[in-house]
Structures are given as C-alpha cells and as structure tokens.
Amino acid sequence: MTNKKRLGTEVLLGGFFGIIAVVATFLEMMENGLTTASIYGGIKDVAGTMVAIMVFLIAIRGLIPKKEKLTFEEKLMAALSDWQKSNSTLILKSTDDEKTYKYGFSMRTDINDFYRSNPLTKNVGWFVRLPLISKEQYANEFEIIFHLNKGTFFEGVQLSEAELKQKYSVLSQKFCEFIGPSYVGFAKPTAKFDEIFVKVQPLTTDEDIKKLINMLNSMFQAFLASANIKIE
C-alpha cells in the first residue's frame, strides 16, 4: 500500500473517530450536567480532536470537483469550436468575421475530403454565419444564414444561370423543409435560392446551446447527403 493510500486511510479514520469523540463529549457533558468543570473539560476534549476533524474536512473538500463558472459567451464559443474540430476535415472557422460582422464557418467544396485524415483541397466556401458571439446578440430572436456553394453541389457540371437557380431552388426547399420543423419552425431561401435564412429562438441556457449545435450538425449532414461527390 502506498503512502498516499495510507495517508487517505489515516485521514478518513482520524476524522471519523474525531467526530465520534466530539459527539461523545457533548453527550457526556449533558449526562454529568453543565457545570463549569464539565464545560471546561468538554472544551479541552473537543480541542484535542479538532485537528483530526479539520484535516478530514479539508481532505473531503479537496475531493469535490470545483465547478467552473463559464460565461455564456465562453460556453457558446467552446461548443462551436468543439463542433468544428469534430468535423475539421470539411469545416473551417471563417476568417472574415470582422468584414461580415458575423461569426462564421466555411466548408471545403470537395466532399472527398470527408474521408481523408489530411484534406487535400484548398477550395472553400462559406457554410454558415451567425451573429457575433455576445450574450446580448443571442438574448433575443436571431438569424442564421446557410449558404449553398456551387462547388459543393455542382462541381464540374455545366449549368446556365437559370438552370443553376432552378437546382438551388429544389435544394433550398428541401433544406428548409428539413431544418424548419425540427429546430426553429421558420426557414426560407433568398430570391436567388443560394442562401437560407433561419430564425432561431433566443439562446439563454446550456440546453439552448446544445440545440443550436444539433441544428448546425443536421444541416451539415444534409449538405453531405446532397453533395456532388466526385469519384476519382
């Protein structure tokens, strides 16, 4: 048995019997009557066991994990960052936040990278944009924008502008029907059908943040299911 384990046992037993001794002292004082002599004697006996009890309490306190008090912004950014890392072969953090005034993620256009541990393509298009991360921005109903990239869905396909718009229309309608009822109840495409605006209820709790991440992940999966995967 290691010194660490012996120390743990000694602290535990010392604290346990110290508490019993204190209780017994008070019972004895009550039994003998609260005279000056019995009170002084009781104080002396209790003082003799307090060191063991205090060591015991400090050890117990050290075993209780400390709760980290993260701010809303820290929780949301951590959740978004974890989601990006779990999908890092295709999803990247956008670098144009200051330009767009949005907190965004981009997506590699070659879906074959999904299967690669080291993505090959450098071509990316923006996938989603959210409000900049602040408690005030998310305290009220807010808007998320998803973007349909031509490279993701129609890479190498010769399409006229009218044909591209028609295909975007079909895709965006499917995405709106998919995402709306499950998470927000309100999603609509733009006039060109290459962007989808989603209204989201206020985020205030940890559960709300989880629902947001689930929505992002569901739309990401929908993009994967609809992508034009190039067979090499």
Protein backbone atom coordinates (compact mmCIF):
# COMPACT_ATOMS: atom_id res chain seq x y z
CA MET A 1 0.00 0.00 0.00
CA THR A 2 1.42 3.41 -0.98
CA ASN A 3 1.97 6.33 1.39
CA LYS A 4 -0.76 8.20 -0.48
CA LYS A 5 -3.27 5.43 0.26
CA ARG A 6 -2.14 5.12 3.91
CA LEU A 7 -2.49 8.85 4.32
CA GLY A 8 -6.00 8.72 2.89
CA THR A 9 -6.99 5.93 5.29
CA GLU A 10 -5.46 7.71 8.28
CA VAL A 11 -7.22 10.96 7.46
CA LEU A 12 -10.53 9.18 6.99
CA LEU A 13 -10.30 7.19 10.22
CA GLY A 14 -8.94 10.15 12.18
CA GLY A 15 -11.78 12.39 11.05
CA PHE A 16 -14.42 9.72 11.63
CA PHE A 17 -13.33 8.92 15.17
CA GLY A 18 -12.75 12.59 15.88
CA ILE A 19 -16.38 13.35 15.08
CA ILE A 20 -17.48 10.43 17.30
CA ALA A 21 -15.30 11.78 20.11
CA VAL A 22 -16.86 15.25 19.86
CA VAL A 23 -20.38 13.80 19.92
CA ALA A 24 -19.46 11.60 22.89
CA THR A 25 -18.01 14.61 24.73
CA PHE A 26 -21.22 16.60 24.36
CA LEU A 27 -23.31 13.61 25.45
CA GLU A 28 -21.09 13.16 28.49
CA MET A 29 -21.44 16.86 29.38
CA MET A 30 -25.22 16.59 29.17
CA GLU A 31 -25.19 13.42 31.25
CA ASN A 32 -23.00 14.92 34.01
CA GLY A 33 -24.72 18.29 33.99
CA LEU A 34 -23.49 21.55 32.51
CA THR A 35 -21.19 22.54 35.34
CA THR A 36 -18.20 24.80 34.92
CA ALA A 37 -15.85 21.86 35.33
CA SER A 38 -17.69 19.69 32.79
CA ILE A 39 -17.78 22.54 30.26
CA TYR A 40 -14.06 23.23 30.63
CA GLY A 41 -13.33 19.53 30.36
CA GLY A 42 -15.51 19.22 27.28
CA ILE A 43 -13.78 22.15 25.58
CA LYS A 44 -10.41 20.57 26.27
CA ASP A 45 -11.50 17.21 24.85
CA VAL A 46 -13.05 18.81 21.74
CA ALA A 47 -9.95 20.90 21.12
CA GLY A 48 -7.85 17.76 21.18
CA THR A 49 -9.82 16.23 18.33
CA MET A 50 -10.39 19.31 16.16
CA VAL A 51 -7.10 18.94 14.28
CA ALA A 52 -8.08 15.49 13.01
CA ILE A 53 -11.57 16.74 12.09
CA MET A 54 -10.24 19.79 10.24
CA VAL A 55 -7.77 17.66 8.27
CA PHE A 56 -10.65 15.33 7.41
CA LEU A 57 -12.89 18.19 6.23
CA ILE A 58 -10.13 19.77 4.16
CA ALA A 59 -9.40 16.41 2.51
CA ILE A 60 -13.10 15.90 1.69
CA ARG A 61 -13.34 19.41 0.28
CA GLY A 62 -10.35 18.71 -1.95
CA LEU A 63 -12.13 15.70 -3.44
CA ILE A 64 -15.14 17.75 -4.52
CA PRO A 65 -14.56 18.95 -8.11
CA LYS A 66 -14.68 22.70 -8.49
CA LYS A 67 -17.40 23.99 -10.76
CA GLU A 68 -16.04 26.29 -13.42
CA LYS A 69 -18.26 29.27 -13.90
CA LEU A 70 -18.05 29.99 -17.62
CA THR A 71 -19.79 32.95 -19.17
CA PHE A 72 -22.45 32.46 -21.84
CA GLU A 73 -20.00 33.61 -24.50
CA GLU A 74 -17.35 31.14 -23.33
CA LYS A 75 -19.84 28.26 -23.31
CA LEU A 76 -21.16 29.06 -26.79
CA MET A 77 -17.72 29.57 -28.34
CA ALA A 78 -16.45 26.34 -26.74
CA ALA A 79 -19.43 24.40 -28.11
CA LEU A 80 -18.97 25.86 -31.61
CA SER A 81 -15.24 25.19 -31.52
CA ASP A 82 -15.78 21.57 -30.43
CA TRP A 83 -18.27 21.09 -33.26
CA GLN A 84 -15.80 22.49 -35.81
CA LYS A 85 -12.98 20.29 -34.52
CA SER A 86 -15.16 17.17 -34.73
CA ASN A 87 -15.79 17.99 -38.41
CA SER A 88 -12.43 19.55 -39.20
CA THR A 89 -11.82 17.62 -42.43
CA LEU A 90 -14.53 19.76 -44.06
CA ILE A 91 -15.47 22.58 -41.67
CA LEU A 92 -13.11 25.51 -41.02
CA LYS A 93 -13.50 28.66 -38.96
CA SER A 94 -14.09 31.58 -41.30
CA THR A 95 -11.57 34.41 -41.26
CA ASP A 96 -13.86 37.22 -42.42
CA ASP A 97 -15.79 37.83 -39.18
CA GLU A 98 -14.74 41.46 -38.92
CA LYS A 99 -15.68 42.07 -42.54
CA THR A 100 -19.08 40.37 -42.40
CA TYR A 101 -19.92 41.23 -38.78
CA LYS A 102 -20.81 37.56 -38.40
CA TYR A 103 -19.36 34.52 -36.63
CA GLY A 104 -18.91 32.10 -39.50
CA PHE A 105 -17.74 28.70 -40.64
CA SER A 106 -16.62 27.65 -44.11
CA MET A 107 -16.83 24.27 -45.82
CA ARG A 108 -14.40 22.58 -48.21
CA THR A 109 -16.03 22.11 -51.59
CA ASP A 110 -14.56 18.67 -52.32
CA ILE A 111 -16.60 16.26 -50.20
CA ASN A 112 -13.99 13.55 -50.78
CA ASP A 113 -12.03 15.33 -48.05
CA PHE A 114 -14.59 13.99 -45.59
CA TYR A 115 -12.85 10.62 -45.93
CA ARG A 116 -9.31 11.96 -45.66
CA SER A 117 -7.41 12.46 -42.43
CA ASN A 118 -5.47 15.22 -44.22
CA PRO A 119 -7.73 17.26 -46.54
CA LEU A 120 -6.25 17.96 -49.97
CA THR A 121 -8.41 20.71 -51.45
CA LYS A 122 -7.87 24.35 -50.63
CA ASN A 123 -11.19 25.42 -52.14
CA VAL A 124 -13.70 26.51 -49.53
CA GLY A 125 -16.96 28.41 -49.49
CA TRP A 126 -18.77 29.87 -46.55
CA PHE A 127 -21.22 27.46 -44.98
CA VAL A 128 -22.95 29.31 -42.14
CA ARG A 129 -22.92 32.71 -40.48
CA LEU A 130 -24.23 33.51 -37.03
CA PRO A 131 -24.35 36.74 -35.02
CA LEU A 132 -21.09 37.73 -33.38
CA ILE A 133 -20.77 35.98 -30.03
CA SER A 134 -22.22 38.10 -27.24
CA LYS A 135 -24.92 37.45 -24.67
CA GLU A 136 -26.93 40.43 -25.93
CA GLN A 137 -26.91 39.20 -29.55
CA TYR A 138 -28.42 35.86 -28.57
CA ALA A 139 -30.81 37.09 -25.86
CA ASN A 140 -33.50 37.79 -28.47
CA GLU A 141 -34.64 36.00 -31.62
CA PHE A 142 -31.75 35.99 -34.10
CA GLU A 143 -30.93 34.88 -37.62
CA ILE A 144 -28.60 32.25 -39.04
CA ILE A 145 -27.65 32.17 -42.73
CA PHE A 146 -26.66 28.98 -44.54
CA HIS A 147 -25.01 29.20 -47.95
CA LEU A 148 -25.23 26.77 -50.87
CA ASN A 149 -21.90 26.66 -52.70
CA LYS A 150 -21.82 25.72 -56.36
CA GLY A 151 -18.59 23.80 -55.78
CA THR A 152 -20.21 21.63 -53.13
CA PHE A 153 -23.25 20.59 -55.13
CA PHE A 154 -22.50 21.11 -58.83
CA GLU A 155 -18.73 20.95 -59.26
CA GLY A 156 -17.83 20.29 -62.90
CA VAL A 157 -21.46 20.48 -64.06
CA GLN A 158 -22.16 22.90 -66.89
CA LEU A 159 -25.26 24.87 -65.96
CA SER A 160 -26.80 28.07 -67.21
CA GLU A 161 -27.73 30.71 -64.66
CA ALA A 162 -31.40 29.75 -64.99
CA GLU A 163 -30.63 26.04 -64.56
CA LEU A 164 -28.44 26.73 -61.54
CA LYS A 165 -31.16 28.82 -59.93
CA GLN A 166 -33.72 26.07 -60.53
CA LYS A 167 -31.47 23.44 -58.92
CA TYR A 168 -30.73 25.74 -55.98
CA SER A 169 -34.49 26.20 -55.61
CA VAL A 170 -35.02 22.45 -55.27
CA LEU A 171 -32.17 22.06 -52.79
CA SER A 172 -33.06 25.06 -50.65
CA GLN A 173 -36.68 23.96 -50.42
CA LYS A 174 -35.63 20.53 -49.22
CA PHE A 175 -33.27 22.06 -46.66
CA CYS A 176 -35.96 24.43 -45.36
CA GLU A 177 -38.46 21.61 -45.01
CA PHE A 178 -35.83 19.57 -43.19
CA ILE A 179 -34.50 22.17 -40.78
CA GLY A 180 -37.64 24.18 -40.01
CA PRO A 181 -39.96 21.79 -38.12
CA SER A 182 -37.15 20.07 -36.23
CA TYR A 183 -35.44 23.09 -34.75
CA VAL A 184 -36.90 26.50 -35.41
CA GLY A 185 -40.17 26.40 -37.32
CA PHE A 186 -39.11 29.17 -39.68
CA ALA A 187 -36.63 28.93 -42.55
CA LYS A 188 -36.75 30.48 -46.00
CA PRO A 189 -34.47 30.82 -49.03
CA THR A 190 -33.42 34.08 -50.62
CA ALA A 191 -34.68 35.13 -54.05
CA LYS A 192 -31.64 33.50 -55.71
CA PHE A 193 -32.16 30.34 -53.61
CA ASP A 194 -28.45 30.07 -52.76
CA GLU A 195 -28.90 31.23 -49.16
CA ILE A 196 -31.25 30.09 -46.41
CA PHE A 197 -32.30 32.39 -43.60
CA VAL A 198 -33.24 30.65 -40.37
CA LYS A 199 -34.96 32.38 -37.46
CA VAL A 200 -33.81 31.00 -34.11
CA GLN A 201 -35.37 31.48 -30.71
CA PRO A 202 -33.24 33.20 -28.00
CA LEU A 203 -30.34 31.24 -26.53
CA THR A 204 -30.10 31.52 -22.77
CA THR A 205 -29.40 28.04 -21.38
CA ASP A 206 -26.95 25.20 -21.90
CA GLU A 207 -29.78 23.20 -23.47
CA ASP A 208 -30.39 26.00 -25.98
CA ILE A 209 -26.72 25.87 -26.98
CA LYS A 210 -26.95 22.10 -27.50
CA LYS A 211 -29.98 22.58 -29.76
CA LEU A 212 -28.07 25.13 -31.83
CA ILE A 213 -25.13 22.76 -32.28
CA ASN A 214 -27.53 19.96 -33.24
CA MET A 215 -29.08 22.22 -35.87
CA LEU A 216 -25.69 23.11 -37.37
CA ASN A 217 -24.72 19.45 -37.42
CA SER A 218 -28.02 18.41 -39.01
CA MET A 219 -27.64 20.96 -41.79
CA PHE A 220 -24.03 19.87 -42.31
CA GLN A 221 -25.22 16.28 -42.69
CA ALA A 222 -27.91 17.42 -45.12
CA PHE A 223 -25.24 19.12 -47.23
CA LEU A 224 -23.19 15.92 -47.23
CA ALA A 225 -26.18 13.84 -48.29
CA SER A 226 -26.91 16.22 -51.17
CA ALA A 227 -23.37 16.95 -52.33
CA ASN A 228 -21.97 16.11 -55.74
CA ILE A 229 -19.26 13.68 -54.65
CA LYS A 230 -16.60 13.35 -57.32
CA ILE A 231 -15.49 9.75 -57.97
CA GLU A 232 -11.77 9.58 -58.61
